N, C-alpha and C. Protein backbone atom coordinates (compact mmCIF):
# COMPACT_ATOMS: atom_id res chain seq x y z
N MET A 1 33.48 -76.90 17.72
CA MET A 1 32.35 -76.58 18.57
C MET A 1 31.42 -75.60 17.84
N ILE A 2 30.16 -75.76 18.05
CA ILE A 2 29.14 -74.94 17.40
C ILE A 2 28.75 -73.81 18.35
N SER A 3 28.80 -72.59 17.87
CA SER A 3 28.52 -71.44 18.73
C SER A 3 27.02 -71.31 19.02
N GLN A 4 26.73 -70.68 20.14
CA GLN A 4 25.33 -70.46 20.52
C GLN A 4 24.65 -69.51 19.54
N ASP A 5 25.38 -68.55 19.00
CA ASP A 5 24.80 -67.63 18.02
C ASP A 5 24.30 -68.38 16.79
N LEU A 6 25.07 -69.37 16.35
CA LEU A 6 24.65 -70.18 15.21
C LEU A 6 23.45 -71.04 15.57
N LEU A 7 23.46 -71.64 16.74
CA LEU A 7 22.33 -72.48 17.17
C LEU A 7 21.03 -71.67 17.25
N ASP A 8 21.15 -70.41 17.62
CA ASP A 8 19.97 -69.56 17.75
C ASP A 8 19.26 -69.30 16.42
N ILE A 9 19.98 -69.38 15.31
CA ILE A 9 19.35 -69.10 14.02
C ILE A 9 19.05 -70.36 13.19
N LEU A 10 19.63 -71.49 13.59
CA LEU A 10 19.39 -72.73 12.84
C LEU A 10 18.09 -73.40 13.26
N ALA A 11 17.49 -74.12 12.32
CA ALA A 11 16.28 -74.90 12.59
C ALA A 11 16.40 -76.22 11.84
N CYS A 12 15.68 -77.20 12.30
CA CYS A 12 15.65 -78.51 11.64
C CYS A 12 15.11 -78.32 10.22
N PRO A 13 15.81 -78.83 9.21
CA PRO A 13 15.33 -78.66 7.83
C PRO A 13 14.07 -79.47 7.52
N VAL A 14 13.73 -80.43 8.36
CA VAL A 14 12.55 -81.27 8.11
C VAL A 14 11.30 -80.66 8.74
N CYS A 15 11.35 -80.39 10.05
CA CYS A 15 10.14 -79.93 10.75
C CYS A 15 10.19 -78.45 11.14
N LYS A 16 11.33 -77.79 10.87
CA LYS A 16 11.51 -76.35 11.10
C LYS A 16 11.49 -75.95 12.58
N LYS A 17 11.71 -76.88 13.49
CA LYS A 17 11.76 -76.60 14.93
C LYS A 17 13.21 -76.31 15.33
N PRO A 18 13.41 -75.67 16.49
CA PRO A 18 14.77 -75.35 16.94
C PRO A 18 15.59 -76.62 17.20
N ILE A 19 16.91 -76.48 17.07
CA ILE A 19 17.81 -77.58 17.35
C ILE A 19 18.65 -77.24 18.58
N THR A 20 19.18 -78.26 19.23
CA THR A 20 20.02 -78.06 20.41
C THR A 20 21.32 -78.83 20.25
N LEU A 21 22.33 -78.33 20.91
CA LEU A 21 23.65 -78.97 20.89
C LEU A 21 23.60 -80.21 21.77
N ARG A 22 24.14 -81.32 21.27
CA ARG A 22 24.19 -82.56 22.06
C ARG A 22 25.39 -82.53 22.99
N GLU A 23 25.43 -83.47 23.91
CA GLU A 23 26.50 -83.53 24.91
C GLU A 23 27.88 -83.66 24.30
N ASP A 24 27.98 -84.32 23.14
CA ASP A 24 29.30 -84.50 22.51
C ASP A 24 29.84 -83.20 21.91
N LYS A 25 28.99 -82.18 21.85
CA LYS A 25 29.33 -80.85 21.32
C LYS A 25 29.77 -80.88 19.86
N GLU A 26 29.52 -81.98 19.17
CA GLU A 26 29.88 -82.11 17.76
C GLU A 26 28.67 -82.37 16.88
N SER A 27 27.50 -82.49 17.48
CA SER A 27 26.29 -82.73 16.70
C SER A 27 25.13 -81.98 17.34
N VAL A 28 24.07 -81.82 16.57
CA VAL A 28 22.87 -81.15 17.07
C VAL A 28 21.67 -82.07 16.90
N LYS A 29 20.64 -81.84 17.71
CA LYS A 29 19.45 -82.69 17.68
C LYS A 29 18.20 -81.83 17.67
N CYS A 30 17.23 -82.27 16.90
CA CYS A 30 15.92 -81.62 16.89
C CYS A 30 15.07 -82.27 17.98
N GLY A 31 14.52 -81.47 18.84
CA GLY A 31 13.70 -81.98 19.93
C GLY A 31 12.35 -82.50 19.47
N GLU A 32 11.90 -82.06 18.32
CA GLU A 32 10.59 -82.45 17.80
C GLU A 32 10.64 -83.79 17.06
N CYS A 33 11.45 -83.89 16.04
CA CYS A 33 11.48 -85.11 15.22
C CYS A 33 12.64 -86.04 15.58
N ARG A 34 13.49 -85.62 16.53
CA ARG A 34 14.61 -86.41 17.08
C ARG A 34 15.71 -86.71 16.07
N ARG A 35 15.79 -85.96 14.98
CA ARG A 35 16.88 -86.16 14.03
C ARG A 35 18.17 -85.57 14.59
N VAL A 36 19.25 -86.29 14.38
CA VAL A 36 20.57 -85.85 14.83
C VAL A 36 21.40 -85.53 13.59
N TYR A 37 21.93 -84.33 13.57
CA TYR A 37 22.77 -83.86 12.47
C TYR A 37 24.20 -83.78 12.97
N ALA A 38 25.10 -84.48 12.29
CA ALA A 38 26.49 -84.57 12.73
C ALA A 38 27.36 -83.49 12.10
N SER A 39 28.48 -83.27 12.74
CA SER A 39 29.49 -82.36 12.23
C SER A 39 30.64 -83.20 11.70
N ARG A 40 31.13 -82.85 10.52
CA ARG A 40 32.23 -83.58 9.91
C ARG A 40 33.33 -82.58 9.56
N ASP A 41 34.50 -82.78 10.09
CA ASP A 41 35.64 -81.88 9.87
C ASP A 41 35.29 -80.43 10.25
N GLY A 42 34.51 -80.29 11.31
CA GLY A 42 34.15 -78.96 11.80
C GLY A 42 33.02 -78.29 11.06
N ILE A 43 32.39 -79.00 10.10
CA ILE A 43 31.29 -78.44 9.32
C ILE A 43 30.01 -79.20 9.65
N LEU A 44 29.00 -78.48 10.08
CA LEU A 44 27.72 -79.09 10.44
C LEU A 44 26.98 -79.52 9.18
N ASN A 45 26.60 -80.78 9.13
CA ASN A 45 25.90 -81.36 7.98
C ASN A 45 24.41 -81.39 8.30
N MET A 46 23.65 -80.49 7.70
CA MET A 46 22.21 -80.39 7.97
C MET A 46 21.37 -81.02 6.86
N LEU A 47 21.91 -81.99 6.16
CA LEU A 47 21.14 -82.68 5.12
C LEU A 47 20.21 -83.71 5.76
N ALA A 48 18.94 -83.62 5.47
CA ALA A 48 17.94 -84.51 6.07
C ALA A 48 18.20 -85.97 5.72
N ASP A 49 18.69 -86.22 4.52
CA ASP A 49 18.95 -87.60 4.09
C ASP A 49 20.07 -88.26 4.87
N GLU A 50 20.95 -87.49 5.45
CA GLU A 50 22.09 -88.04 6.18
C GLU A 50 21.90 -87.97 7.70
N ALA A 51 20.77 -87.46 8.16
CA ALA A 51 20.49 -87.38 9.58
C ALA A 51 20.12 -88.76 10.12
N VAL A 52 20.37 -88.95 11.40
CA VAL A 52 20.04 -90.20 12.09
C VAL A 52 18.93 -89.89 13.08
N ILE A 53 17.92 -90.73 13.15
CA ILE A 53 16.84 -90.52 14.12
C ILE A 53 17.21 -91.19 15.43
N ASP A 54 17.28 -90.40 16.48
CA ASP A 54 17.63 -90.89 17.82
C ASP A 54 16.40 -91.54 18.44
N PRO A 55 16.50 -92.81 18.87
CA PRO A 55 15.32 -93.49 19.42
C PRO A 55 14.90 -92.94 20.79
N ALA A 56 15.80 -92.23 21.49
CA ALA A 56 15.46 -91.72 22.82
C ALA A 56 14.93 -90.32 22.79
């Protein structure tokens, strides 16, 4: 699980907007560009090349 303290300081590496925790509590999403960054083995992967764009 990603702590709120960490979410407060992280930003999307592409558009620099704040990110939010998704319902699955294992990934984060940028509200601006809709990129979803997944967590793998408990480590958040914030690489733009590996992000998925959420159509919704």
